[in-house]
Amino acid sequence: MKLLKWKDSYSMGEDKIDEQHKGLFELSNEIYELVKSGVDDHETFRKLFIALNDYSVEHFIYEEMYMQEQEYPKLNEHISQHNAFSKKLKELALGIDKDSHIKDIGEFVTTWLLQHVLDEDMKYKKFIESK
């Protein structure tokens, strides 16, 4: 698991989406700090997990509506990826009282966020820029 640092190259060119991506990075970094420090406070982690879940749902809805407005042809594929993220996050959270699950969630979130923003979101950015 690693700390996520925002770079200008991650920008989607849409302020609200960039702001939301930064927020997701911050929540991921909070999980990182818990894991790194060895904090064994499951209540703190639960609150952080719920915030991450709620924030990702809000972001996904906004982003999907934006892509729909832009008539992005691969919208359904992108929605499927968002749904898979939410499903996996929920599966990992079922083990929320086990230390290994805290690290597993952190690893999953960090890896998924970077891959999704840098690969999948950049696809719709290129599409919009080409219009």
Protein backbone atom coordinates (compact mmCIF):
# COMPACT_ATOMS: atom_id res chain seq x y z
CA MET A 1 0.00 0.00 0.00
CA LYS A 2 1.25 3.47 -0.75
CA LEU A 3 0.43 7.10 -0.17
CA LEU A 4 -1.34 8.72 -3.11
CA LYS A 5 -0.11 12.11 -4.23
CA TRP A 6 -2.20 14.19 -6.60
CA LYS A 7 -0.47 15.31 -9.78
CA ASP A 8 -1.72 17.85 -12.28
CA SER A 9 -1.47 15.15 -14.94
CA TYR A 10 -4.36 13.33 -13.18
CA SER A 11 -6.69 16.23 -13.92
CA MET A 12 -9.78 15.44 -15.95
CA GLY A 13 -10.31 19.06 -16.94
CA GLU A 14 -13.59 19.19 -15.03
CA ASP A 15 -13.21 20.94 -11.69
CA LYS A 16 -15.83 19.02 -9.71
CA ILE A 17 -14.50 15.63 -10.83
CA ASP A 18 -10.93 16.67 -10.02
CA GLU A 19 -12.08 17.84 -6.58
CA GLN A 20 -13.82 14.52 -5.98
CA HIS A 21 -10.81 12.51 -7.14
CA LYS A 22 -8.63 14.50 -4.71
CA GLY A 23 -11.13 13.70 -1.95
CA LEU A 24 -10.93 9.99 -2.75
CA PHE A 25 -7.13 10.19 -2.66
CA GLU A 26 -7.32 11.85 0.77
CA LEU A 27 -9.59 9.14 2.15
CA SER A 28 -7.28 6.47 0.75
CA ASN A 29 -4.37 8.23 2.44
CA GLU A 30 -6.21 8.21 5.76
CA ILE A 31 -6.54 4.43 5.46
CA TYR A 32 -2.83 4.30 4.60
CA GLU A 33 -1.96 6.27 7.74
CA LEU A 34 -4.06 3.92 9.92
CA VAL A 35 -2.35 0.86 8.46
CA LYS A 36 1.12 2.42 8.64
CA SER A 37 0.73 3.50 12.26
CA GLY A 38 -0.69 0.13 13.26
CA VAL A 39 -3.77 1.74 14.77
CA ASP A 40 -6.10 -0.98 15.98
CA ASP A 41 -9.16 1.20 16.30
CA HIS A 42 -11.91 -0.54 14.42
CA GLU A 43 -14.46 2.18 15.18
CA THR A 44 -12.23 4.80 13.54
CA PHE A 45 -11.80 2.54 10.56
CA ARG A 46 -15.54 1.92 10.29
CA LYS A 47 -16.18 5.66 10.16
CA LEU A 48 -13.47 6.09 7.54
CA PHE A 49 -14.79 3.19 5.50
CA ILE A 50 -18.34 4.58 5.57
CA ALA A 51 -17.01 7.98 4.48
CA LEU A 52 -15.08 6.34 1.63
CA ASN A 53 -18.12 4.34 0.55
CA ASP A 54 -20.46 7.33 0.69
CA TYR A 55 -18.03 9.62 -1.09
CA SER A 56 -17.32 7.11 -3.85
CA VAL A 57 -21.05 6.62 -4.48
CA GLU A 58 -21.55 10.38 -4.71
CA HIS A 59 -18.58 10.70 -7.05
CA PHE A 60 -19.68 7.82 -9.28
CA ILE A 61 -23.15 9.30 -9.73
CA TYR A 62 -21.73 12.72 -10.61
CA GLU A 63 -19.14 11.30 -12.99
CA GLU A 64 -21.63 9.01 -14.72
CA MET A 65 -24.07 11.89 -15.23
CA TYR A 66 -21.24 13.99 -16.65
CA MET A 67 -20.25 11.22 -19.07
CA GLN A 68 -23.88 10.79 -20.10
CA GLU A 69 -24.15 14.52 -20.85
CA GLN A 70 -21.01 14.23 -22.96
CA GLU A 71 -22.50 11.19 -24.77
CA TYR A 72 -19.53 9.02 -23.85
CA PRO A 73 -19.98 5.80 -25.88
CA LYS A 74 -18.41 3.52 -23.23
CA LEU A 75 -20.56 4.77 -20.36
CA ASN A 76 -22.06 1.36 -19.57
CA GLU A 77 -18.60 -0.22 -19.31
CA HIS A 78 -17.51 2.57 -16.99
CA ILE A 79 -20.61 2.14 -14.82
CA SER A 80 -19.81 -1.59 -14.59
CA GLN A 81 -16.36 -0.76 -13.25
CA HIS A 82 -17.85 1.56 -10.63
CA ASN A 83 -20.32 -1.16 -9.62
CA ALA A 84 -17.52 -3.73 -9.35
CA PHE A 85 -15.54 -1.37 -7.09
CA SER A 86 -18.53 -0.86 -4.79
CA LYS A 87 -19.21 -4.60 -4.65
CA LYS A 88 -15.58 -5.47 -3.83
CA LEU A 89 -15.38 -2.74 -1.20
CA LYS A 90 -18.48 -4.15 0.48
CA GLU A 91 -17.07 -7.69 0.39
CA LEU A 92 -13.84 -6.53 2.01
CA ALA A 93 -15.73 -4.57 4.64
CA LEU A 94 -17.49 -7.70 5.87
CA GLY A 95 -14.20 -8.55 7.58
CA ILE A 96 -13.91 -5.08 9.09
CA ASP A 97 -13.02 -6.42 12.56
CA LYS A 98 -9.89 -8.16 11.30
CA ASP A 99 -6.63 -6.24 10.91
CA SER A 100 -5.79 -7.98 7.65
CA HIS A 101 -8.98 -6.63 6.13
CA ILE A 102 -8.04 -3.05 6.95
CA LYS A 103 -4.82 -3.50 4.99
CA ASP A 104 -6.65 -5.39 2.22
CA ILE A 105 -9.13 -2.55 1.81
CA GLY A 106 -6.30 -0.03 1.76
CA GLU A 107 -4.41 -1.99 -0.89
CA PHE A 108 -7.52 -2.46 -3.01
CA VAL A 109 -8.60 1.19 -2.82
CA THR A 110 -5.14 2.58 -3.57
CA THR A 111 -4.53 0.27 -6.52
CA TRP A 112 -8.02 0.68 -7.96
CA LEU A 113 -8.05 4.48 -7.66
CA LEU A 114 -4.75 4.94 -9.45
CA GLN A 115 -5.59 2.46 -12.20
CA HIS A 116 -9.09 3.81 -12.68
CA VAL A 117 -8.16 7.49 -12.78
CA LEU A 118 -5.03 7.03 -14.89
CA ASP A 119 -6.46 4.51 -17.34
CA GLU A 120 -10.24 4.46 -17.45
CA ASP A 121 -11.04 8.09 -16.64
CA MET A 122 -8.39 9.27 -19.09
CA LYS A 123 -10.28 7.44 -21.83
CA TYR A 124 -13.34 9.62 -21.40
CA LYS A 125 -11.15 12.70 -21.01
CA LYS A 126 -9.61 11.98 -24.43
CA PHE A 127 -13.05 11.38 -25.89
CA ILE A 128 -14.34 14.72 -24.61
CA GLU A 129 -11.22 16.57 -25.78
CA SER A 130 -11.62 15.08 -29.27
CA LYS A 131 -15.19 16.37 -29.65
